[in-house]
Amino acid sequence: DPRVPGIGIDYREVDNPPEKFAEAYALARDAGFRLTAHAGEFGEPWTNVAAALDLLGVERLDHAYTVLDNPELTARCAAEGIVITVVPSNSYYLRELDKSEWAQMHPIRRMGPAGLRIHPNTDDPAFHLTDPTRCWQSMVVDFGYAPADLRGFMLNGLDGAWIDDGLRERWKREWSAEFDRLAQEHGIAG
């Protein structure tokens, strides 16, 4: 069914490594589905990120914060252009990090400078009491990214989207033009 382009696992990783889903992912891959997975969240090891890539065969990652714990894996993800959806309102880090240090210590702050292709999103907006606007705003206010970075994040999202190349290129042109227009209109260097 073309309305279901792919599968992903959105789950609590603790005691549930990606290996548990290898058979299901093999079946999905063989059936032509696109693949993504939550991995490297909740402080779970970077090996979950590696397993999602190598064992499950995902082309996109959600969270993947602990990729930063392994420089070689970080470099690989950067070199391969793996798009990683990040969640500024991730409740794990809000619980685990002191509020005064949260924005400085959150892995999102280091992911872009490490060359990773990140794209902010909400994950569970009702659960985290957030929305897309707040998440994108947090990338600037809390994590120190610039408007030019936001433009790149927008394009990363399109590169990671499961859409046909013609639509992707059209949206890149249209969205980039609109981003640039809004930045100019509001006097924001982009």
N, C-alpha and C. Protein backbone atom coordinates (compact mmCIF):
# COMPACT_ATOMS: atom_id res chain seq x y z
N ASP A 1 0.84 -1.18 0.00
CA ASP A 1 0.00 0.00 0.00
C ASP A 1 0.89 1.24 0.00
N PRO A 2 0.77 2.13 -0.99
CA PRO A 2 1.63 3.31 -1.05
C PRO A 2 1.37 4.30 0.08
N ARG A 3 0.28 4.15 0.81
CA ARG A 3 0.00 5.05 1.93
C ARG A 3 0.82 4.68 3.16
N VAL A 4 1.45 3.53 3.15
CA VAL A 4 2.31 3.09 4.26
C VAL A 4 3.71 2.90 3.68
N PRO A 5 4.52 3.97 3.70
CA PRO A 5 5.83 3.88 3.05
C PRO A 5 6.88 3.13 3.86
N GLY A 6 6.70 3.07 5.18
CA GLY A 6 7.74 2.43 5.97
C GLY A 6 7.31 2.12 7.38
N ILE A 7 8.26 1.59 8.14
CA ILE A 7 8.00 1.26 9.54
C ILE A 7 9.09 1.85 10.42
N GLY A 8 8.75 1.98 11.69
CA GLY A 8 9.72 2.42 12.69
C GLY A 8 9.33 1.88 14.03
N ILE A 9 10.31 1.83 14.92
CA ILE A 9 9.99 1.44 16.29
C ILE A 9 10.12 2.67 17.16
N ASP A 10 9.02 3.03 17.77
CA ASP A 10 8.96 4.14 18.71
C ASP A 10 8.62 3.52 20.05
N TYR A 11 9.63 3.34 20.85
CA TYR A 11 9.46 2.51 22.04
C TYR A 11 10.47 2.90 23.10
N ARG A 12 10.32 2.34 24.25
CA ARG A 12 11.29 2.54 25.33
C ARG A 12 12.37 1.47 25.16
N GLU A 13 13.58 1.92 24.89
CA GLU A 13 14.69 1.01 24.58
C GLU A 13 15.19 0.19 25.75
N VAL A 14 14.98 0.67 26.96
CA VAL A 14 15.53 -0.02 28.12
C VAL A 14 15.09 -1.49 28.09
N ASP A 15 16.04 -2.38 28.12
CA ASP A 15 15.81 -3.83 28.05
C ASP A 15 15.19 -4.29 26.73
N ASN A 16 15.21 -3.45 25.74
CA ASN A 16 14.65 -3.80 24.43
C ASN A 16 15.58 -3.33 23.32
N PRO A 17 16.73 -3.96 23.17
CA PRO A 17 17.68 -3.52 22.14
C PRO A 17 17.12 -3.77 20.74
N PRO A 18 17.65 -3.07 19.75
CA PRO A 18 17.16 -3.25 18.38
C PRO A 18 17.19 -4.69 17.89
N GLU A 19 18.10 -5.48 18.42
CA GLU A 19 18.21 -6.88 17.99
C GLU A 19 16.88 -7.63 18.11
N LYS A 20 16.05 -7.24 19.07
CA LYS A 20 14.75 -7.91 19.25
C LYS A 20 13.84 -7.74 18.04
N PHE A 21 14.13 -6.74 17.22
CA PHE A 21 13.26 -6.41 16.10
C PHE A 21 13.86 -6.80 14.75
N ALA A 22 14.97 -7.51 14.77
CA ALA A 22 15.70 -7.82 13.52
C ALA A 22 14.83 -8.60 12.53
N GLU A 23 14.10 -9.59 13.00
CA GLU A 23 13.29 -10.40 12.09
C GLU A 23 12.18 -9.57 11.44
N ALA A 24 11.52 -8.74 12.24
CA ALA A 24 10.45 -7.90 11.70
C ALA A 24 11.01 -6.91 10.67
N TYR A 25 12.17 -6.36 10.97
CA TYR A 25 12.78 -5.41 10.03
C TYR A 25 13.22 -6.10 8.74
N ALA A 26 13.71 -7.32 8.84
CA ALA A 26 14.10 -8.06 7.64
C ALA A 26 12.87 -8.30 6.75
N LEU A 27 11.76 -8.66 7.36
CA LEU A 27 10.52 -8.87 6.60
C LEU A 27 10.06 -7.57 5.95
N ALA A 28 10.12 -6.47 6.71
CA ALA A 28 9.69 -5.18 6.17
C ALA A 28 10.60 -4.74 5.02
N ARG A 29 11.90 -4.90 5.21
CA ARG A 29 12.87 -4.54 4.16
C ARG A 29 12.60 -5.36 2.89
N ASP A 30 12.40 -6.67 3.06
CA ASP A 30 12.13 -7.54 1.92
C ASP A 30 10.83 -7.17 1.21
N ALA A 31 9.89 -6.59 1.95
CA ALA A 31 8.61 -6.17 1.37
C ALA A 31 8.70 -4.78 0.75
N GLY A 32 9.87 -4.14 0.83
CA GLY A 32 10.06 -2.85 0.20
C GLY A 32 9.75 -1.64 1.06
N PHE A 33 9.56 -1.84 2.35
CA PHE A 33 9.28 -0.72 3.24
C PHE A 33 10.55 0.08 3.55
N ARG A 34 10.39 1.38 3.78
CA ARG A 34 11.47 2.23 4.28
C ARG A 34 11.58 1.97 5.78
N LEU A 35 12.76 2.25 6.36
CA LEU A 35 13.00 1.86 7.75
C LEU A 35 13.60 2.99 8.57
N THR A 36 13.07 3.15 9.77
CA THR A 36 13.61 4.08 10.75
C THR A 36 13.46 3.44 12.13
N ALA A 37 14.12 4.01 13.13
CA ALA A 37 13.99 3.46 14.49
C ALA A 37 14.45 4.47 15.52
N HIS A 38 13.78 4.45 16.66
CA HIS A 38 14.31 5.11 17.84
C HIS A 38 15.52 4.31 18.28
N ALA A 39 16.62 4.97 18.55
CA ALA A 39 17.82 4.29 19.03
C ALA A 39 18.71 5.31 19.73
N GLY A 40 19.37 4.89 20.79
CA GLY A 40 20.27 5.79 21.50
C GLY A 40 19.55 6.84 22.33
N GLU A 41 18.37 6.50 22.80
CA GLU A 41 17.59 7.38 23.66
C GLU A 41 17.63 6.83 25.08
N PHE A 42 17.16 7.57 26.05
CA PHE A 42 17.09 7.14 27.45
C PHE A 42 18.46 6.73 28.00
N GLY A 43 19.54 7.28 27.44
CA GLY A 43 20.87 6.94 27.91
C GLY A 43 21.32 5.55 27.52
N GLU A 44 20.58 4.91 26.62
CA GLU A 44 20.97 3.58 26.17
C GLU A 44 22.23 3.69 25.31
N PRO A 45 23.03 2.64 25.23
CA PRO A 45 24.36 2.74 24.63
C PRO A 45 24.34 3.02 23.12
N TRP A 46 25.47 3.56 22.65
CA TRP A 46 25.64 3.84 21.23
C TRP A 46 25.53 2.58 20.39
N THR A 47 25.75 1.43 21.03
CA THR A 47 25.64 0.18 20.27
C THR A 47 24.23 -0.03 19.73
N ASN A 48 23.22 0.56 20.39
CA ASN A 48 21.86 0.48 19.86
C ASN A 48 21.74 1.25 18.55
N VAL A 49 22.45 2.37 18.45
CA VAL A 49 22.46 3.14 17.20
C VAL A 49 23.13 2.31 16.11
N ALA A 50 24.27 1.71 16.43
CA ALA A 50 24.98 0.88 15.46
C ALA A 50 24.12 -0.31 15.02
N ALA A 51 23.43 -0.94 15.97
CA ALA A 51 22.57 -2.08 15.63
C ALA A 51 21.41 -1.66 14.74
N ALA A 52 20.85 -0.48 15.02
CA ALA A 52 19.75 0.00 14.17
C ALA A 52 20.23 0.19 12.73
N LEU A 53 21.43 0.71 12.58
CA LEU A 53 21.98 0.91 11.23
C LEU A 53 22.38 -0.40 10.57
N ASP A 54 23.14 -1.21 11.29
CA ASP A 54 23.76 -2.39 10.69
C ASP A 54 22.87 -3.62 10.68
N LEU A 55 22.13 -3.84 11.75
CA LEU A 55 21.31 -5.04 11.84
C LEU A 55 19.90 -4.80 11.27
N LEU A 56 19.30 -3.67 11.66
CA LEU A 56 17.96 -3.39 11.17
C LEU A 56 17.98 -2.77 9.77
N GLY A 57 19.07 -2.10 9.43
CA GLY A 57 19.19 -1.49 8.11
C GLY A 57 18.42 -0.20 7.94
N VAL A 58 18.26 0.56 9.04
CA VAL A 58 17.50 1.81 8.94
C VAL A 58 18.25 2.83 8.09
N GLU A 59 17.48 3.72 7.49
CA GLU A 59 18.06 4.80 6.69
C GLU A 59 17.93 6.13 7.41
N ARG A 60 17.17 6.15 8.48
CA ARG A 60 16.94 7.36 9.26
C ARG A 60 16.86 6.94 10.72
N LEU A 61 17.26 7.85 11.62
CA LEU A 61 17.25 7.54 13.06
C LEU A 61 16.41 8.57 13.81
N ASP A 62 15.83 8.14 14.90
CA ASP A 62 15.15 9.05 15.82
C ASP A 62 15.95 9.07 17.12
N HIS A 63 16.23 10.25 17.60
CA HIS A 63 17.00 10.51 18.82
C HIS A 63 18.49 10.27 18.59
N ALA A 64 18.97 9.07 18.75
CA ALA A 64 20.37 8.70 18.48
C ALA A 64 21.38 9.55 19.25
N TYR A 65 20.99 10.06 20.41
CA TYR A 65 21.87 10.96 21.17
C TYR A 65 23.19 10.32 21.55
N THR A 66 23.16 9.04 21.88
CA THR A 66 24.39 8.40 22.35
C THR A 66 25.36 8.07 21.22
N VAL A 67 25.01 8.39 19.98
CA VAL A 67 25.97 8.25 18.89
C VAL A 67 27.23 9.05 19.20
N LEU A 68 27.07 10.14 19.94
CA LEU A 68 28.21 11.00 20.28
C LEU A 68 29.21 10.31 21.19
N ASP A 69 28.81 9.22 21.83
CA ASP A 69 29.72 8.48 22.71
C ASP A 69 30.73 7.65 21.92
N ASN A 70 30.54 7.55 20.62
CA ASN A 70 31.47 6.79 19.78
C ASN A 70 31.88 7.66 18.59
N PRO A 71 33.08 8.23 18.63
CA PRO A 71 33.51 9.13 17.55
C PRO A 71 33.49 8.51 16.16
N GLU A 72 33.82 7.22 16.07
CA GLU A 72 33.81 6.57 14.75
C GLU A 72 32.39 6.47 14.20
N LEU A 73 31.45 6.12 15.06
CA LEU A 73 30.06 6.01 14.62
C LEU A 73 29.50 7.39 14.27
N THR A 74 29.87 8.39 15.05
CA THR A 74 29.46 9.76 14.75
C THR A 74 29.97 10.17 13.37
N ALA A 75 31.25 9.90 13.11
CA ALA A 75 31.84 10.24 11.81
C ALA A 75 31.16 9.48 10.68
N ARG A 76 30.83 8.23 10.93
CA ARG A 76 30.14 7.43 9.91
C ARG A 76 28.77 8.02 9.58
N CYS A 77 27.99 8.33 10.62
CA CYS A 77 26.66 8.89 10.40
C CYS A 77 26.76 10.22 9.65
N ALA A 78 27.75 11.03 10.00
CA ALA A 78 27.95 12.30 9.31
C ALA A 78 28.31 12.06 7.85
N ALA A 79 29.25 11.16 7.60
CA ALA A 79 29.71 10.88 6.24
C ALA A 79 28.60 10.29 5.37
N GLU A 80 27.77 9.45 5.96
CA GLU A 80 26.68 8.81 5.21
C GLU A 80 25.45 9.70 5.09
N GLY A 81 25.46 10.85 5.79
CA GLY A 81 24.33 11.76 5.71
C GLY A 81 23.06 11.24 6.34
N ILE A 82 23.20 10.38 7.35
CA ILE A 82 22.03 9.83 8.03
C ILE A 82 21.27 10.98 8.70
N VAL A 83 19.99 11.12 8.39
CA VAL A 83 19.18 12.15 9.03
C VAL A 83 18.70 11.62 10.38
N ILE A 84 18.88 12.45 11.41
CA ILE A 84 18.50 12.08 12.77
C ILE A 84 17.46 13.08 13.27
N THR A 85 16.27 12.57 13.57
CA THR A 85 15.24 13.42 14.16
C THR A 85 15.54 13.56 15.65
N VAL A 86 15.68 14.80 16.10
CA VAL A 86 15.97 15.08 17.51
C VAL A 86 14.77 15.76 18.15
N VAL A 87 14.67 15.63 19.46
CA VAL A 87 13.52 16.16 20.18
C VAL A 87 14.01 17.05 21.33
N PRO A 88 13.97 18.37 21.14
CA PRO A 88 14.45 19.27 22.19
C PRO A 88 13.73 19.09 23.52
N SER A 89 12.48 18.65 23.48
CA SER A 89 11.71 18.48 24.71
C SER A 89 11.85 17.08 25.30
N ASN A 90 12.84 16.33 24.84
CA ASN A 90 13.05 14.96 25.32
C ASN A 90 13.05 14.92 26.84
N SER A 91 12.10 14.21 27.41
CA SER A 91 11.90 14.23 28.86
C SER A 91 13.01 13.52 29.62
N TYR A 92 13.71 12.58 29.00
CA TYR A 92 14.80 11.88 29.68
C TYR A 92 15.86 12.87 30.15
N TYR A 93 16.29 13.75 29.25
CA TYR A 93 17.34 14.70 29.63
C TYR A 93 16.81 15.79 30.56
N LEU A 94 15.54 16.11 30.44
CA LEU A 94 14.96 17.07 31.38
C LEU A 94 14.95 16.49 32.79
N ARG A 95 14.77 15.18 32.90
CA ARG A 95 14.78 14.52 34.22
C ARG A 95 16.20 14.30 34.73
N GLU A 96 17.10 13.91 33.83
CA GLU A 96 18.44 13.48 34.23
C GLU A 96 19.43 14.62 34.44
N LEU A 97 19.24 15.72 33.75
CA LEU A 97 20.19 16.83 33.84
C LEU A 97 19.62 17.94 34.72
N ASP A 98 20.49 18.56 35.49
CA ASP A 98 20.09 19.69 36.31
C ASP A 98 19.51 20.78 35.41
N LYS A 99 18.42 21.39 35.85
CA LYS A 99 17.74 22.39 35.02
C LYS A 99 18.67 23.52 34.60
N SER A 100 19.60 23.90 35.47
CA SER A 100 20.51 24.99 35.14
C SER A 100 21.55 24.58 34.09
N GLU A 101 21.75 23.27 33.90
CA GLU A 101 22.74 22.79 32.94
C GLU A 101 22.12 22.08 31.74
N TRP A 102 20.82 21.89 31.78
CA TRP A 102 20.15 21.09 30.76
C TRP A 102 20.52 21.50 29.34
N ALA A 103 20.37 22.76 29.01
CA ALA A 103 20.61 23.20 27.63
C ALA A 103 22.08 23.09 27.24
N GLN A 104 22.98 23.27 28.20
CA GLN A 104 24.42 23.16 27.90
C GLN A 104 24.86 21.72 27.75
N MET A 105 24.23 20.81 28.47
CA MET A 105 24.67 19.41 28.50
C MET A 105 23.91 18.49 27.54
N HIS A 106 22.77 18.94 27.06
CA HIS A 106 21.96 18.09 26.18
C HIS A 106 22.77 17.76 24.92
N PRO A 107 22.76 16.50 24.49
CA PRO A 107 23.52 16.11 23.29
C PRO A 107 23.15 16.88 22.02
N ILE A 108 21.93 17.36 21.92
CA ILE A 108 21.53 18.09 20.71
C ILE A 108 22.49 19.24 20.42
N ARG A 109 22.98 19.89 21.46
CA ARG A 109 23.89 21.02 21.29
C ARG A 109 25.15 20.61 20.52
N ARG A 110 25.59 19.38 20.69
CA ARG A 110 26.84 18.93 20.05
C ARG A 110 26.64 18.19 18.74
N MET A 111 25.42 17.82 18.44
CA MET A 111 25.18 16.99 17.25
C MET A 111 25.42 17.74 15.94
N GLY A 112 24.90 18.94 15.83
CA GLY A 112 25.13 19.73 14.61
C GLY A 112 26.61 20.02 14.38
N PRO A 113 27.32 20.56 15.40
CA PRO A 113 28.75 20.81 15.22
C PRO A 113 29.56 19.55 14.91
N ALA A 114 29.04 18.38 15.27
CA ALA A 114 29.73 17.12 14.96
C ALA A 114 29.49 16.68 13.52
N GLY A 115 28.71 17.47 12.78
CA GLY A 115 28.46 17.15 11.38
C GLY A 115 27.25 16.26 11.14
N LEU A 116 26.47 16.01 12.20
CA LEU A 116 25.29 15.16 12.06
C LEU A 116 24.14 15.96 11.44
N ARG A 117 23.37 15.30 10.61
CA ARG A 117 22.24 15.94 9.91
C ARG A 117 20.99 15.79 10.76
N ILE A 118 20.75 16.76 11.62
CA ILE A 118 19.63 16.68 12.55
C ILE A 118 18.42 17.45 12.03
N HIS A 119 17.27 17.04 12.53
CA HIS A 119 16.00 17.67 12.20
C HIS A 119 15.14 17.67 13.47
N PRO A 120 14.80 18.85 14.00
CA PRO A 120 14.00 18.89 15.23
C PRO A 120 12.54 18.52 15.00
N ASN A 121 11.99 17.83 16.00
CA ASN A 121 10.58 17.46 15.94
C ASN A 121 10.06 17.32 17.37
N THR A 122 8.79 16.98 17.50
CA THR A 122 8.14 16.97 18.81
C THR A 122 8.08 15.62 19.49
N ASP A 123 8.18 14.53 18.76
CA ASP A 123 8.04 13.18 19.30
C ASP A 123 6.60 12.98 19.78
N ASP A 124 6.34 13.20 21.04
CA ASP A 124 5.01 13.03 21.62
C ASP A 124 4.54 14.38 22.15
N PRO A 125 3.96 15.24 21.30
CA PRO A 125 3.66 16.61 21.72
C PRO A 125 2.75 16.71 22.94
N ALA A 126 1.72 15.89 23.02
CA ALA A 126 0.82 15.98 24.18
C ALA A 126 1.53 15.53 25.45
N PHE A 127 2.34 14.51 25.34
CA PHE A 127 3.07 13.98 26.50
C PHE A 127 4.12 14.98 27.00
N HIS A 128 4.82 15.62 26.06
CA HIS A 128 5.89 16.56 26.42
C HIS A 128 5.39 18.00 26.53
N LEU A 129 4.09 18.22 26.34
CA LEU A 129 3.49 19.56 26.41
C LEU A 129 4.24 20.54 25.52
N THR A 130 4.38 20.19 24.26
CA THR A 130 5.10 21.04 23.32
C THR A 130 4.42 21.00 21.96
N ASP A 131 4.98 21.73 21.03
CA ASP A 131 4.52 21.74 19.65
C ASP A 131 5.73 22.02 18.76
N PRO A 132 5.58 21.89 17.44
CA PRO A 132 6.74 22.10 16.57
C PRO A 132 7.38 23.48 16.73
N THR A 133 6.58 24.52 16.89
CA THR A 133 7.14 25.87 17.03
C THR A 133 8.07 25.94 18.24
N ARG A 134 7.63 25.40 19.36
CA ARG A 134 8.47 25.43 20.57
C ARG A 134 9.76 24.64 20.37
N CYS A 135 9.67 23.51 19.69
CA CYS A 135 10.87 22.70 19.47
C CYS A 135 11.88 23.43 18.60
N TRP A 136 11.41 24.05 17.53
CA TRP A 136 12.32 24.80 16.66
C TRP A 136 12.87 26.02 17.39
N GLN A 137 12.05 26.68 18.17
CA GLN A 137 12.51 27.83 18.94
C GLN A 137 13.57 27.40 19.95
N SER A 138 13.39 26.25 20.55
CA SER A 138 14.36 25.73 21.52
C SER A 138 15.73 25.51 20.89
N MET A 139 15.75 25.16 19.61
CA MET A 139 17.03 24.94 18.94
C MET A 139 17.88 26.21 18.95
N VAL A 140 17.23 27.37 18.89
CA VAL A 140 17.95 28.66 18.92
C VAL A 140 18.15 29.11 20.36
N VAL A 141 17.06 29.19 21.10
CA VAL A 141 17.10 29.76 22.46
C VAL A 141 17.90 28.90 23.42
N ASP A 142 17.69 27.60 23.41
CA ASP A 142 18.34 26.72 24.38
C ASP A 142 19.67 26.15 23.90
N PHE A 143 19.75 25.84 22.61
CA PHE A 143 20.93 25.11 22.12
C PHE A 143 21.88 25.95 21.28
N GLY A 144 21.55 27.22 21.06
CA GLY A 144 22.48 28.14 20.44
C GLY A 144 22.64 28.04 18.94
N TYR A 145 21.70 27.39 18.27
CA TYR A 145 21.80 27.32 16.81
C TYR A 145 21.34 28.64 16.19
N ALA A 146 21.85 28.93 15.00
CA ALA A 146 21.55 30.17 14.28
C ALA A 146 20.45 29.92 13.25
N PRO A 147 19.84 31.01 12.73
CA PRO A 147 18.83 30.84 11.69
C PRO A 147 19.33 30.03 10.49
N ALA A 148 20.58 30.20 10.10
CA ALA A 148 21.11 29.42 8.98
C ALA A 148 21.08 27.93 9.31
N ASP A 149 21.30 27.60 10.57
CA ASP A 149 21.22 26.19 10.99
C ASP A 149 19.79 25.68 10.83
N LEU A 150 18.81 26.51 11.21
CA LEU A 150 17.41 26.10 11.08
C LEU A 150 17.07 25.80 9.63
N ARG A 151 17.59 26.61 8.73
CA ARG A 151 17.35 26.38 7.30
C ARG A 151 17.91 25.00 6.91
N GLY A 152 19.10 24.70 7.40
CA GLY A 152 19.70 23.39 7.13
C GLY A 152 18.89 22.26 7.74
N PHE A 153 18.39 22.47 8.96
CA PHE A 153 17.57 21.43 9.60
C PHE A 153 16.31 21.16 8.77
N MET A 154 15.72 22.23 8.24
CA MET A 154 14.54 22.09 7.40
C MET A 154 14.86 21.21 6.19
N LEU A 155 15.98 21.49 5.55
CA LEU A 155 16.38 20.71 4.37
C LEU A 155 16.73 19.28 4.75
N ASN A 156 17.33 19.09 5.93
CA ASN A 156 17.61 17.73 6.41
C ASN A 156 16.31 16.94 6.52
N GLY A 157 15.27 17.58 7.05
CA GLY A 157 13.98 16.91 7.19
C GLY A 157 13.44 16.45 5.85
N LEU A 158 13.60 17.29 4.84
CA LEU A 158 13.14 16.90 3.51
C LEU A 158 13.99 15.77 2.94
N ASP A 159 15.29 15.80 3.20
CA ASP A 159 16.15 14.71 2.73
C ASP A 159 15.82 13.39 3.42
N GLY A 160 15.36 13.46 4.66
CA GLY A 160 15.00 12.25 5.38
C GLY A 160 13.57 11.79 5.16
N ALA A 161 12.78 12.62 4.48
CA ALA A 161 11.36 12.30 4.27
C ALA A 161 11.20 11.19 3.23
N TRP A 162 10.20 10.39 3.42
CA TRP A 162 9.90 9.30 2.49
C TRP A 162 8.94 9.79 1.41
N ILE A 163 9.48 10.65 0.56
CA ILE A 163 8.72 11.23 -0.55
C ILE A 163 9.53 11.05 -1.83
N ASP A 164 8.86 11.20 -2.97
CA ASP A 164 9.60 11.02 -4.23
C ASP A 164 10.52 12.22 -4.46
N ASP A 165 11.56 11.98 -5.25
CA ASP A 165 12.61 12.98 -5.44
C ASP A 165 12.09 14.26 -6.08
N GLY A 166 11.13 14.16 -6.98
CA GLY A 166 10.57 15.35 -7.61
C GLY A 166 9.90 16.26 -6.59
N LEU A 167 9.09 15.67 -5.73
CA LEU A 167 8.42 16.44 -4.69
C LEU A 167 9.45 17.01 -3.72
N ARG A 168 10.44 16.21 -3.36
CA ARG A 168 11.49 16.67 -2.44
C ARG A 168 12.18 17.92 -3.01
N GLU A 169 12.57 17.88 -4.26
CA GLU A 169 13.28 19.01 -4.87
C GLU A 169 12.36 20.23 -4.99
N ARG A 170 11.10 20.01 -5.33
CA ARG A 170 10.15 21.12 -5.40
C ARG A 170 9.99 21.78 -4.04
N TRP A 171 9.78 20.96 -3.01
CA TRP A 171 9.62 21.51 -1.67
C TRP A 171 10.90 22.20 -1.20
N LYS A 172 12.05 21.67 -1.53
CA LYS A 172 13.30 22.34 -1.15
C LYS A 172 13.36 23.74 -1.74
N ARG A 173 13.00 23.87 -3.01
CA ARG A 173 13.01 25.19 -3.65
C ARG A 173 11.98 26.11 -2.98
N GLU A 174 10.75 25.62 -2.85
CA GLU A 174 9.68 26.45 -2.31
C GLU A 174 9.93 26.82 -0.85
N TRP A 175 10.29 25.86 -0.04
CA TRP A 175 10.49 26.11 1.38
C TRP A 175 11.71 26.99 1.62
N SER A 176 12.76 26.78 0.85
CA SER A 176 13.96 27.62 0.99
C SER A 176 13.63 29.06 0.63
N ALA A 177 12.88 29.25 -0.46
CA ALA A 177 12.49 30.61 -0.86
C ALA A 177 11.64 31.26 0.23
N GLU A 178 10.71 30.51 0.79
CA GLU A 178 9.86 31.07 1.86
C GLU A 178 10.67 31.35 3.12
N PHE A 179 11.58 30.46 3.47
CA PHE A 179 12.45 30.69 4.63
C PHE A 179 13.24 31.98 4.43
N ASP A 180 13.85 32.12 3.26
CA ASP A 180 14.66 33.30 2.97
C ASP A 180 13.81 34.57 2.97
N ARG A 181 12.60 34.49 2.44
CA ARG A 181 11.71 35.65 2.42
C ARG A 181 11.35 36.08 3.84
N LEU A 182 11.00 35.11 4.67
CA LEU A 182 10.64 35.42 6.06
C LEU A 182 11.84 35.96 6.83
N ALA A 183 13.01 35.39 6.61
CA ALA A 183 14.21 35.88 7.30
C ALA A 183 14.48 37.33 6.92
N GLN A 184 14.35 37.64 5.63
CA GLN A 184 14.59 39.02 5.19
C GLN A 184 13.51 39.95 5.75
N GLU A 185 12.27 39.50 5.70
CA GLU A 185 11.15 40.32 6.18
C GLU A 185 11.32 40.67 7.66
N HIS A 186 11.88 39.75 8.43
CA HIS A 186 12.02 39.97 9.87
C HIS A 186 13.44 40.40 10.27
N GLY A 187 14.27 40.68 9.29
CA GLY A 187 15.62 41.17 9.57
C GLY A 187 16.51 40.15 10.26
N ILE A 188 16.33 38.89 9.90
CA ILE A 188 17.12 37.82 10.51
C ILE A 188 18.17 37.36 9.51
N ALA A 189 19.41 37.39 9.92
CA ALA A 189 20.48 36.89 9.04
C ALA A 189 20.31 35.39 8.93
N GLY A 190 20.24 34.89 7.71
CA GLY A 190 19.98 33.48 7.56
C GLY A 190 21.03 32.76 6.83
